Amino acid sequence: MARDQVTNDRLSKLLAQLISLTEKRELHWERQLGSGPAEPLSETKTPRYLFITPFDSPSCIEINSADAELGSALTVLVNVVEKAIENEPPTDPFGVSNEELSRLIS
């Protein structure tokens, strides 16, 4: 679905903010097991996606690296994120730690 220019401008500002926060290490990212291409962006032509899903809504915003208006900014974000997490091990999004289990049962 095509977006209007006002929406593209707002999403562009959001991407710029995400890039800035990531570069300053004020926004933490985790690489999740099985959540996307294992190869760095520089080694593949596989498109990258950013999905933003509000907790209180079934709707979502999707931006992909092939997007004519926002794709280049998303590619910058992917590169910045990859650099920020390059030395971190992938996490299992469905794994349960002892700490989390302890909070649920006493």
C-alpha atoms as a PDB file:
ATOM      1  CA  MET A   1       0.000   0.000   0.000  1.00  0.00           C
ATOM      2  CA  ALA A   2       1.365   3.389  -0.985  1.00  0.00           C
ATOM      3  CA  ARG A   3       2.014   5.937   1.722  1.00  0.00           C
ATOM      4  CA  ASP A   4       1.447   9.656   1.393  1.00  0.00           C
ATOM      5  CA  GLN A   5       4.360  12.084   1.630  1.00  0.00           C
ATOM      6  CA  VAL A   6       3.458  13.238   5.148  1.00  0.00           C
ATOM      7  CA  THR A   7       3.636   9.635   6.387  1.00  0.00           C
ATOM      8  CA  ASN A   8       6.914   9.061   4.552  1.00  0.00           C
ATOM      9  CA  ASP A   9       8.354  12.207   6.127  1.00  0.00           C
ATOM     10  CA  ARG A  10       7.329  11.066   9.605  1.00  0.00           C
ATOM     11  CA  LEU A  11       8.757   7.582   9.047  1.00  0.00           C
ATOM     12  CA  SER A  12      11.964   9.127   7.716  1.00  0.00           C
ATOM     13  CA  LYS A  13      12.294  11.125  10.944  1.00  0.00           C
ATOM     14  CA  LEU A  14      11.634   7.957  12.944  1.00  0.00           C
ATOM     15  CA  LEU A  15      14.369   6.084  11.081  1.00  0.00           C
ATOM     16  CA  ALA A  16      16.787   8.983  11.651  1.00  0.00           C
ATOM     17  CA  GLN A  17      15.960   8.913  15.364  1.00  0.00           C
ATOM     18  CA  LEU A  18      16.477   5.129  15.545  1.00  0.00           C
ATOM     19  CA  ILE A  19      19.828   5.478  13.772  1.00  0.00           C
ATOM     20  CA  SER A  20      20.936   8.245  16.130  1.00  0.00           C
ATOM     21  CA  LEU A  21      19.869   6.412  19.286  1.00  0.00           C
ATOM     22  CA  THR A  22      21.565   3.221  18.100  1.00  0.00           C
ATOM     23  CA  GLU A  23      24.812   5.013  17.255  1.00  0.00           C
ATOM     24  CA  LYS A  24      24.844   6.613  20.719  1.00  0.00           C
ATOM     25  CA  ARG A  25      24.110   3.180  22.278  1.00  0.00           C
ATOM     26  CA  GLU A  26      20.923   4.570  23.817  1.00  0.00           C
ATOM     27  CA  LEU A  27      18.774   1.974  22.059  1.00  0.00           C
ATOM     28  CA  HIS A  28      19.539  -1.697  22.629  1.00  0.00           C
ATOM     29  CA  TRP A  29      19.003  -4.271  19.895  1.00  0.00           C
ATOM     30  CA  GLU A  30      19.235  -8.054  20.097  1.00  0.00           C
ATOM     31  CA  ARG A  31      19.832 -10.523  17.321  1.00  0.00           C
ATOM     32  CA  GLN A  32      17.247 -13.252  17.768  1.00  0.00           C
ATOM     33  CA  LEU A  33      17.848 -16.826  16.730  1.00  0.00           C
ATOM     34  CA  GLY A  34      16.165 -17.510  13.403  1.00  0.00           C
ATOM     35  CA  SER A  35      14.745 -14.013  13.061  1.00  0.00           C
ATOM     36  CA  GLY A  36      16.281 -13.070   9.750  1.00  0.00           C
ATOM     37  CA  PRO A  37      19.165 -13.454   7.335  1.00  0.00           C
ATOM     38  CA  ALA A  38      22.331 -14.660   9.044  1.00  0.00           C
ATOM     39  CA  GLU A  39      24.586 -12.959   6.526  1.00  0.00           C
ATOM     40  CA  PRO A  40      25.578  -9.318   6.980  1.00  0.00           C
ATOM     41  CA  LEU A  41      23.823  -6.872   4.685  1.00  0.00           C
ATOM     42  CA  SER A  42      27.046  -6.441   2.695  1.00  0.00           C
ATOM     43  CA  GLU A  43      27.102 -10.150   1.766  1.00  0.00           C
ATOM     44  CA  THR A  44      23.568 -10.658   0.514  1.00  0.00           C
ATOM     45  CA  LYS A  45      20.873  -9.064  -1.584  1.00  0.00           C
ATOM     46  CA  THR A  46      18.151 -10.347   0.738  1.00  0.00           C
ATOM     47  CA  PRO A  47      15.823  -7.449   1.601  1.00  0.00           C
ATOM     48  CA  ARG A  48      15.614  -6.297   5.197  1.00  0.00           C
ATOM     49  CA  TYR A  49      12.399  -5.305   6.923  1.00  0.00           C
ATOM     50  CA  LEU A  50      11.420  -3.164   9.888  1.00  0.00           C
ATOM     51  CA  PHE A  51       8.052  -4.007  11.410  1.00  0.00           C
ATOM     52  CA  ILE A  52       6.559  -1.728  14.018  1.00  0.00           C
ATOM     53  CA  THR A  53       3.552  -3.213  15.773  1.00  0.00           C
ATOM     54  CA  PRO A  54       1.779  -1.323  18.561  1.00  0.00           C
ATOM     55  CA  PHE A  55       0.874  -3.529  21.511  1.00  0.00           C
ATOM     56  CA  ASP A  56      -2.693  -2.225  21.551  1.00  0.00           C
ATOM     57  CA  SER A  57      -3.432  -2.569  17.844  1.00  0.00           C
ATOM     58  CA  PRO A  58      -3.522  -5.270  15.193  1.00  0.00           C
ATOM     59  CA  SER A  59      -2.122  -2.822  12.632  1.00  0.00           C
ATOM     60  CA  CYS A  60       1.546  -2.472  11.817  1.00  0.00           C
ATOM     61  CA  ILE A  61       3.984  -0.361   9.868  1.00  0.00           C
ATOM     62  CA  GLU A  62       6.351  -2.105   7.484  1.00  0.00           C
ATOM     63  CA  ILE A  63       9.400  -0.609   5.835  1.00  0.00           C
ATOM     64  CA  ASN A  64      11.660  -2.699   3.618  1.00  0.00           C
ATOM     65  CA  SER A  65      15.029  -2.016   2.077  1.00  0.00           C
ATOM     66  CA  ALA A  66      13.502  -1.996  -1.428  1.00  0.00           C
ATOM     67  CA  ASP A  67      11.211   0.934  -0.531  1.00  0.00           C
ATOM     68  CA  ALA A  68      11.878   3.766  -2.986  1.00  0.00           C
ATOM     69  CA  GLU A  69      11.617   6.521  -0.365  1.00  0.00           C
ATOM     70  CA  LEU A  70      12.728   4.877   2.881  1.00  0.00           C
ATOM     71  CA  GLY A  71      14.841   1.897   1.791  1.00  0.00           C
ATOM     72  CA  SER A  72      18.176   3.684   1.915  1.00  0.00           C
ATOM     73  CA  ALA A  73      17.546   4.961   5.466  1.00  0.00           C
ATOM     74  CA  LEU A  74      16.501   1.464   6.528  1.00  0.00           C
ATOM     75  CA  THR A  75      19.712   0.075   5.046  1.00  0.00           C
ATOM     76  CA  VAL A  76      21.699   2.583   7.107  1.00  0.00           C
ATOM     77  CA  LEU A  77      19.798   1.500  10.222  1.00  0.00           C
ATOM     78  CA  VAL A  78      20.482  -2.188   9.477  1.00  0.00           C
ATOM     79  CA  ASN A  79      24.201  -1.453   9.112  1.00  0.00           C
ATOM     80  CA  VAL A  80      24.284   0.529  12.360  1.00  0.00           C
ATOM     81  CA  VAL A  81      22.398  -2.232  14.205  1.00  0.00           C
ATOM     82  CA  GLU A  82      24.675  -4.930  12.787  1.00  0.00           C
ATOM     83  CA  LYS A  83      27.716  -2.988  13.992  1.00  0.00           C
ATOM     84  CA  ALA A  84      26.159  -2.468  17.434  1.00  0.00           C
ATOM     85  CA  ILE A  85      25.389  -6.166  17.953  1.00  0.00           C
ATOM     86  CA  GLU A  86      28.280  -7.791  16.098  1.00  0.00           C
ATOM     87  CA  ASN A  87      29.873  -9.120  19.308  1.00  0.00           C
ATOM     88  CA  GLU A  88      26.655 -10.170  21.022  1.00  0.00           C
ATOM     89  CA  PRO A  89      25.414 -13.750  20.872  1.00  0.00           C
ATOM     90  CA  PRO A  90      21.945 -14.318  19.413  1.00  0.00           C
ATOM     91  CA  THR A  91      19.158 -14.674  21.935  1.00  0.00           C
ATOM     92  CA  ASP A  92      16.303 -17.147  21.937  1.00  0.00           C
ATOM     93  CA  PRO A  93      13.102 -15.056  22.006  1.00  0.00           C
ATOM     94  CA  PHE A  94      11.192 -18.013  23.450  1.00  0.00           C
ATOM     95  CA  GLY A  95      13.800 -19.069  25.970  1.00  0.00           C
ATOM     96  CA  VAL A  96      12.930 -18.864  29.665  1.00  0.00           C
ATOM     97  CA  SER A  97      15.668 -17.943  32.101  1.00  0.00           C
ATOM     98  CA  ASN A  98      15.801 -19.012  35.728  1.00  0.00           C
ATOM     99  CA  GLU A  99      15.292 -15.367  36.743  1.00  0.00           C
ATOM    100  CA  GLU A 100      12.084 -15.058  34.711  1.00  0.00           C
ATOM    101  CA  LEU A 101      10.819 -18.390  35.987  1.00  0.00           C
ATOM    102  CA  SER A 102      11.518 -17.336  39.584  1.00  0.00           C
ATOM    103  CA  ARG A 103       9.378 -14.238  39.140  1.00  0.00           C
ATOM    104  CA  LEU A 104       6.470 -16.344  37.911  1.00  0.00           C
ATOM    105  CA  ILE A 105       6.556 -19.033  40.558  1.00  0.00           C
ATOM    106  CA  SER A 106       7.774 -18.782  44.117  1.00  0.00           C
END
